[in-house]
C-alpha atoms as a PDB file:
ATOM      1  CA  MET A   1      53.521 -38.187   0.425  1.00  0.00           C
ATOM      2  CA  ALA A   2      52.070 -35.121  -1.289  1.00  0.00           C
ATOM      3  CA  LYS A   3      54.345 -32.443  -2.569  1.00  0.00           C
ATOM      4  CA  PRO A   4      53.873 -29.084  -0.820  1.00  0.00           C
ATOM      5  CA  ASP A   5      53.361 -27.212  -4.153  1.00  0.00           C
ATOM      6  CA  THR A   6      50.429 -29.419  -5.315  1.00  0.00           C
ATOM      7  CA  ILE A   7      47.109 -27.515  -5.699  1.00  0.00           C
ATOM      8  CA  ILE A   8      43.888 -29.472  -5.368  1.00  0.00           C
ATOM      9  CA  LYS A   9      40.702 -27.949  -6.808  1.00  0.00           C
ATOM     10  CA  PRO A  10      37.259 -29.387  -7.604  1.00  0.00           C
ATOM     11  CA  ASN A  11      36.604 -30.703 -11.103  1.00  0.00           C
ATOM     12  CA  THR A  12      33.126 -29.231 -11.659  1.00  0.00           C
ATOM     13  CA  VAL A  13      30.958 -26.453 -10.363  1.00  0.00           C
ATOM     14  CA  THR A  14      27.269 -27.364 -10.008  1.00  0.00           C
ATOM     15  CA  LYS A  15      24.695 -24.740 -10.927  1.00  0.00           C
ATOM     16  CA  PRO A  16      21.059 -25.395 -10.077  1.00  0.00           C
ATOM     17  CA  LYS A  17      18.779 -25.391 -13.098  1.00  0.00           C
ATOM     18  CA  ILE A  18      15.951 -22.930 -12.609  1.00  0.00           C
ATOM     19  CA  GLU A  19      12.844 -23.412 -14.716  1.00  0.00           C
ATOM     20  CA  LYS A  20      10.483 -20.620 -15.625  1.00  0.00           C
ATOM     21  CA  PRO A  21       7.056 -21.117 -14.061  1.00  0.00           C
ATOM     22  CA  LYS A  22       4.422 -22.528 -16.391  1.00  0.00           C
ATOM     23  CA  LEU A  23       1.849 -20.029 -17.560  1.00  0.00           C
ATOM     24  CA  TYR A  24      -1.925 -20.396 -17.413  1.00  0.00           C
ATOM     25  CA  LYS A  25      -4.622 -18.689 -19.453  1.00  0.00           C
ATOM     26  CA  VAL A  26      -7.656 -17.123 -17.808  1.00  0.00           C
ATOM     27  CA  ILE A  27     -10.625 -17.683 -20.116  1.00  0.00           C
ATOM     28  CA  LEU A  28     -13.916 -15.774 -20.025  1.00  0.00           C
ATOM     29  CA  ILE A  29     -16.902 -18.015 -20.816  1.00  0.00           C
ATOM     30  CA  ASN A  30     -19.903 -16.313 -22.429  1.00  0.00           C
ATOM     31  CA  ASP A  31     -23.369 -16.635 -20.925  1.00  0.00           C
ATOM     32  CA  ASP A  32     -26.712 -15.155 -21.904  1.00  0.00           C
ATOM     33  CA  TYR A  33     -27.562 -13.723 -18.480  1.00  0.00           C
ATOM     34  CA  THR A  34     -24.709 -11.482 -17.359  1.00  0.00           C
ATOM     35  CA  PRO A  35     -25.019  -7.904 -18.681  1.00  0.00           C
ATOM     36  CA  ARG A  36     -22.203  -6.704 -20.905  1.00  0.00           C
ATOM     37  CA  GLU A  37     -21.573  -3.675 -18.708  1.00  0.00           C
ATOM     38  CA  PHE A  38     -21.029  -5.930 -15.698  1.00  0.00           C
ATOM     39  CA  VAL A  39     -18.529  -8.085 -17.617  1.00  0.00           C
ATOM     40  CA  VAL A  40     -16.593  -4.945 -18.576  1.00  0.00           C
ATOM     41  CA  LEU A  41     -16.690  -3.799 -14.942  1.00  0.00           C
ATOM     42  CA  ILE A  42     -15.215  -7.140 -13.785  1.00  0.00           C
ATOM     43  CA  LEU A  43     -12.497  -6.997 -16.458  1.00  0.00           C
ATOM     44  CA  ASN A  44     -11.639  -3.442 -15.395  1.00  0.00           C
ATOM     45  CA  TYR A  45     -11.567  -4.177 -11.677  1.00  0.00           C
ATOM     46  CA  VAL A  46     -10.053  -7.661 -11.428  1.00  0.00           C
ATOM     47  CA  PHE A  47      -7.829  -7.776 -14.516  1.00  0.00           C
ATOM     48  CA  ARG A  48      -6.958  -4.050 -14.620  1.00  0.00           C
ATOM     49  CA  MET A  49      -7.979  -3.722 -18.278  1.00  0.00           C
ATOM     50  CA  GLY A  50      -8.706  -0.427 -19.933  1.00  0.00           C
ATOM     51  CA  GLU A  51     -12.207   0.312 -21.194  1.00  0.00           C
ATOM     52  CA  SER A  52     -11.509  -0.470 -24.862  1.00  0.00           C
ATOM     53  CA  ALA A  53      -9.575  -3.692 -24.119  1.00  0.00           C
ATOM     54  CA  ALA A  54     -12.326  -4.874 -21.756  1.00  0.00           C
ATOM     55  CA  ASN A  55     -14.984  -4.163 -24.393  1.00  0.00           C
ATOM     56  CA  HIS A  56     -12.956  -6.043 -27.001  1.00  0.00           C
ATOM     57  CA  VAL A  57     -12.550  -9.116 -24.745  1.00  0.00           C
ATOM     58  CA  MET A  58     -16.238  -9.044 -23.775  1.00  0.00           C
ATOM     59  CA  LEU A  59     -17.385  -8.817 -27.408  1.00  0.00           C
ATOM     60  CA  THR A  60     -14.997 -11.574 -28.517  1.00  0.00           C
ATOM     61  CA  ALA A  61     -16.353 -13.872 -25.803  1.00  0.00           C
ATOM     62  CA  HIS A  62     -19.914 -12.907 -26.779  1.00  0.00           C
ATOM     63  CA  MET A  63     -19.327 -13.702 -30.459  1.00  0.00           C
ATOM     64  CA  LYS A  64     -17.111 -16.793 -30.135  1.00  0.00           C
ATOM     65  CA  GLY A  65     -18.315 -18.264 -26.831  1.00  0.00           C
ATOM     66  CA  SER A  66     -15.057 -17.728 -24.934  1.00  0.00           C
ATOM     67  CA  CYS A  67     -11.993 -15.511 -24.950  1.00  0.00           C
ATOM     68  CA  VAL A  68      -8.575 -15.502 -23.309  1.00  0.00           C
ATOM     69  CA  VAL A  69      -8.501 -12.620 -20.858  1.00  0.00           C
ATOM     70  CA  ALA A  70      -4.882 -12.798 -19.700  1.00  0.00           C
ATOM     71  CA  VAL A  71      -1.951 -15.146 -19.092  1.00  0.00           C
ATOM     72  CA  TYR A  72      -0.382 -15.478 -15.639  1.00  0.00           C
ATOM     73  CA  THR A  73       1.456 -17.957 -13.470  1.00  0.00           C
ATOM     74  CA  ARG A  74      -0.831 -20.640 -12.069  1.00  0.00           C
ATOM     75  CA  ASP A  75      -1.446 -19.103  -8.639  1.00  0.00           C
ATOM     76  CA  ILE A  76      -2.233 -15.656  -9.988  1.00  0.00           C
ATOM     77  CA  ALA A  77      -4.468 -17.020 -12.765  1.00  0.00           C
ATOM     78  CA  GLU A  78      -6.513 -19.122 -10.345  1.00  0.00           C
ATOM     79  CA  THR A  79      -6.768 -16.282  -7.829  1.00  0.00           C
ATOM     80  CA  LYS A  80      -7.987 -13.764 -10.405  1.00  0.00           C
ATOM     81  CA  ALA A  81     -10.469 -16.235 -11.921  1.00  0.00           C
ATOM     82  CA  SER A  82     -11.952 -17.090  -8.518  1.00  0.00           C
ATOM     83  CA  GLU A  83     -12.066 -13.414  -7.506  1.00  0.00           C
ATOM     84  CA  ALA A  84     -14.008 -12.570 -10.677  1.00  0.00           C
ATOM     85  CA  ILE A  85     -16.396 -15.512 -10.197  1.00  0.00           C
ATOM     86  CA  ASP A  86     -16.987 -14.544  -6.548  1.00  0.00           C
ATOM     87  CA  MET A  87     -17.775 -10.941  -7.506  1.00  0.00           C
ATOM     88  CA  ALA A  88     -20.269 -12.159 -10.102  1.00  0.00           C
ATOM     89  CA  LYS A  89     -21.935 -14.534  -7.621  1.00  0.00           C
ATOM     90  CA  GLU A  90     -22.263 -11.743  -5.054  1.00  0.00           C
ATOM     91  CA  SER A  91     -24.054  -9.684  -7.693  1.00  0.00           C
ATOM     92  CA  GLY A  92     -26.275 -12.606  -8.705  1.00  0.00           C
ATOM     93  CA  PHE A  93     -24.733 -13.381 -12.110  1.00  0.00           C
ATOM     94  CA  PRO A  94     -23.497 -16.754 -13.448  1.00  0.00           C
ATOM     95  CA  LEU A  95     -20.355 -15.298 -15.048  1.00  0.00           C
ATOM     96  CA  MET A  96     -17.656 -17.974 -15.427  1.00  0.00           C
ATOM     97  CA  PHE A  97     -13.896 -17.884 -15.844  1.00  0.00           C
ATOM     98  CA  GLU A  98     -11.672 -20.934 -16.345  1.00  0.00           C
ATOM     99  CA  THR A  99      -7.924 -21.458 -16.195  1.00  0.00           C
ATOM    100  CA  GLU A 100      -5.927 -23.819 -18.361  1.00  0.00           C
ATOM    101  CA  PRO A 101      -2.231 -24.307 -19.112  1.00  0.00           C
ATOM    102  CA  GLU A 102      -0.797 -22.303 -21.972  1.00  0.00           C
ATOM    103  CA  GLU A 103       0.809 -24.450 -24.636  1.00  0.00           C
END
């Protein structure tokens, strides 16, 4: 028989472990056909970059072959990359963006 003054309480409290979402880089790939002004326009419109930042990214990609534009969660990175590619295709340019996991 249990004594009336005995208190029973749980031993542990379980907290769910929440992980931060993995981040992905959006990378601009240089090509020899897309005008520089159009690349800057895409960076301004899709990635909300200022004029000087967009010029810097465009020139870095032009000189080195590619450049990281921004880092987002996977869904946002893939959406922005595909939006930029679609805008370029509609305008007749082969501008390419890729996404890859950030290390």
